[in-house]
Amino acid sequence: MHAIASELEAKGARLAYDGSTHDPADPAGKLFFTILGAMAEFEADLIRARTRGGVAIAKAEGRMLGRTPKLSALQRRRLLADY
């Protein structure tokens, strides 16, 4: 996030949000960008943690068995025998 803010600052960009303008060059703007980045990272971490938890529960309950095979057992044996 800091790299993006530095790039925006070098280009002279400003963020206008809800009637106020935030400049990544001044201290308040840097704080705002840092808080936005921290919140985005926090939200992404929460989504990953919830997904991992849900997958673990589904596996424990036997609901995630993986992809169903395209070939039946007989088709697979015949294919391997032909090979």
C-alpha atoms as a PDB file:
ATOM      1  CA  MET A   1       0.000   0.000   0.000  1.00  0.00           C
ATOM      2  CA  HIS A   2       2.883   2.345   0.774  1.00  0.00           C
ATOM      3  CA  ALA A   3       4.368   1.713  -2.671  1.00  0.00           C
ATOM      4  CA  ILE A   4       1.044   2.566  -4.306  1.00  0.00           C
ATOM      5  CA  ALA A   5       0.707   5.699  -2.169  1.00  0.00           C
ATOM      6  CA  SER A   6       4.251   6.746  -3.114  1.00  0.00           C
ATOM      7  CA  GLU A   7       3.466   6.227  -6.801  1.00  0.00           C
ATOM      8  CA  LEU A   8       0.275   8.266  -6.491  1.00  0.00           C
ATOM      9  CA  GLU A   9       2.170  10.992  -4.658  1.00  0.00           C
ATOM     10  CA  ALA A  10       4.821  11.103  -7.402  1.00  0.00           C
ATOM     11  CA  LYS A  11       2.072  11.488 -10.026  1.00  0.00           C
ATOM     12  CA  GLY A  12       0.344  14.221  -8.026  1.00  0.00           C
ATOM     13  CA  ALA A  13      -2.861  12.222  -7.532  1.00  0.00           C
ATOM     14  CA  ARG A  14      -5.349  12.934  -4.776  1.00  0.00           C
ATOM     15  CA  LEU A  15      -8.161  10.824  -3.325  1.00  0.00           C
ATOM     16  CA  ALA A  16     -11.517  12.565  -3.113  1.00  0.00           C
ATOM     17  CA  TYR A  17     -13.856  10.708  -0.779  1.00  0.00           C
ATOM     18  CA  ASP A  18     -17.121  11.878   0.758  1.00  0.00           C
ATOM     19  CA  GLY A  19     -16.488  15.536   0.080  1.00  0.00           C
ATOM     20  CA  SER A  20     -12.927  15.601   1.420  1.00  0.00           C
ATOM     21  CA  THR A  21      -9.664  15.310  -0.483  1.00  0.00           C
ATOM     22  CA  HIS A  22      -6.804  13.194   0.830  1.00  0.00           C
ATOM     23  CA  ASP A  23      -3.293  13.921  -0.372  1.00  0.00           C
ATOM     24  CA  PRO A  24      -0.842  11.024   0.075  1.00  0.00           C
ATOM     25  CA  ALA A  25       1.960  13.567   0.536  1.00  0.00           C
ATOM     26  CA  ASP A  26       0.720  15.170   3.761  1.00  0.00           C
ATOM     27  CA  PRO A  27       0.684  13.415   7.171  1.00  0.00           C
ATOM     28  CA  ALA A  28      -3.109  13.097   7.387  1.00  0.00           C
ATOM     29  CA  GLY A  29      -3.231  11.625   3.884  1.00  0.00           C
ATOM     30  CA  LYS A  30      -0.488   9.135   4.726  1.00  0.00           C
ATOM     31  CA  LEU A  31      -2.419   8.101   7.820  1.00  0.00           C
ATOM     32  CA  PHE A  32      -5.614   7.692   5.803  1.00  0.00           C
ATOM     33  CA  PHE A  33      -3.893   5.534   3.159  1.00  0.00           C
ATOM     34  CA  THR A  34      -2.206   3.434   5.852  1.00  0.00           C
ATOM     35  CA  ILE A  35      -5.514   2.836   7.624  1.00  0.00           C
ATOM     36  CA  LEU A  36      -7.198   1.902   4.333  1.00  0.00           C
ATOM     37  CA  GLY A  37      -4.414  -0.569   3.587  1.00  0.00           C
ATOM     38  CA  ALA A  38      -4.562  -2.069   7.071  1.00  0.00           C
ATOM     39  CA  MET A  39      -8.336  -2.503   6.859  1.00  0.00           C
ATOM     40  CA  ALA A  40      -8.089  -4.140   3.419  1.00  0.00           C
ATOM     41  CA  GLU A  41      -5.398  -6.532   4.660  1.00  0.00           C
ATOM     42  CA  PHE A  42      -7.426  -7.323   7.784  1.00  0.00           C
ATOM     43  CA  GLU A  43     -10.525  -8.075   5.716  1.00  0.00           C
ATOM     44  CA  ALA A  44      -8.568 -10.333   3.341  1.00  0.00           C
ATOM     45  CA  ASP A  45      -7.071 -12.207   6.306  1.00  0.00           C
ATOM     46  CA  LEU A  46     -10.532 -12.685   7.833  1.00  0.00           C
ATOM     47  CA  ILE A  47     -11.881 -14.098   4.561  1.00  0.00           C
ATOM     48  CA  ARG A  48      -8.935 -16.519   4.302  1.00  0.00           C
ATOM     49  CA  ALA A  49      -9.352 -17.643   7.924  1.00  0.00           C
ATOM     50  CA  ARG A  50     -13.087 -18.206   7.528  1.00  0.00           C
ATOM     51  CA  THR A  51     -12.550 -20.113   4.298  1.00  0.00           C
ATOM     52  CA  ARG A  52      -9.929 -22.360   5.901  1.00  0.00           C
ATOM     53  CA  GLY A  53     -12.250 -22.979   8.841  1.00  0.00           C
ATOM     54  CA  GLY A  54     -15.183 -23.817   6.592  1.00  0.00           C
ATOM     55  CA  VAL A  55     -13.089 -26.192   4.481  1.00  0.00           C
ATOM     56  CA  ALA A  56     -11.773 -27.939   7.601  1.00  0.00           C
ATOM     57  CA  ILE A  57     -15.304 -28.412   8.942  1.00  0.00           C
ATOM     58  CA  ALA A  58     -16.562 -29.700   5.577  1.00  0.00           C
ATOM     59  CA  LYS A  59     -13.671 -32.174   5.341  1.00  0.00           C
ATOM     60  CA  ALA A  60     -14.273 -33.374   8.901  1.00  0.00           C
ATOM     61  CA  GLU A  61     -17.935 -33.967   8.083  1.00  0.00           C
ATOM     62  CA  GLY A  62     -17.022 -35.783   4.862  1.00  0.00           C
ATOM     63  CA  ARG A  63     -18.703 -33.271   2.573  1.00  0.00           C
ATOM     64  CA  MET A  64     -15.578 -32.524   0.530  1.00  0.00           C
ATOM     65  CA  LEU A  65     -14.760 -35.695  -1.278  1.00  0.00           C
ATOM     66  CA  GLY A  66     -13.009 -34.065  -4.191  1.00  0.00           C
ATOM     67  CA  ARG A  67     -13.728 -34.201  -7.858  1.00  0.00           C
ATOM     68  CA  THR A  68     -15.825 -37.096  -9.159  1.00  0.00           C
ATOM     69  CA  PRO A  69     -13.936 -39.331 -11.605  1.00  0.00           C
ATOM     70  CA  LYS A  70     -14.772 -38.976 -15.292  1.00  0.00           C
ATOM     71  CA  LEU A  71     -14.218 -42.683 -15.938  1.00  0.00           C
ATOM     72  CA  SER A  72     -15.871 -45.587 -14.196  1.00  0.00           C
ATOM     73  CA  ALA A  73     -13.649 -48.230 -12.599  1.00  0.00           C
ATOM     74  CA  LEU A  74     -14.250 -50.550 -15.554  1.00  0.00           C
ATOM     75  CA  GLN A  75     -13.385 -47.842 -18.103  1.00  0.00           C
ATOM     76  CA  ARG A  76     -10.205 -47.037 -16.207  1.00  0.00           C
ATOM     77  CA  ARG A  77      -9.108 -50.692 -16.109  1.00  0.00           C
ATOM     78  CA  ARG A  78      -9.800 -51.092 -19.851  1.00  0.00           C
ATOM     79  CA  LEU A  79      -7.922 -47.897 -20.668  1.00  0.00           C
ATOM     80  CA  LEU A  80      -4.909 -48.990 -18.601  1.00  0.00           C
ATOM     81  CA  ALA A  81      -5.004 -52.449 -20.170  1.00  0.00           C
ATOM     82  CA  ASP A  82      -5.092 -50.944 -23.673  1.00  0.00           C
ATOM     83  CA  TYR A  83      -2.204 -48.649 -22.801  1.00  0.00           C
END
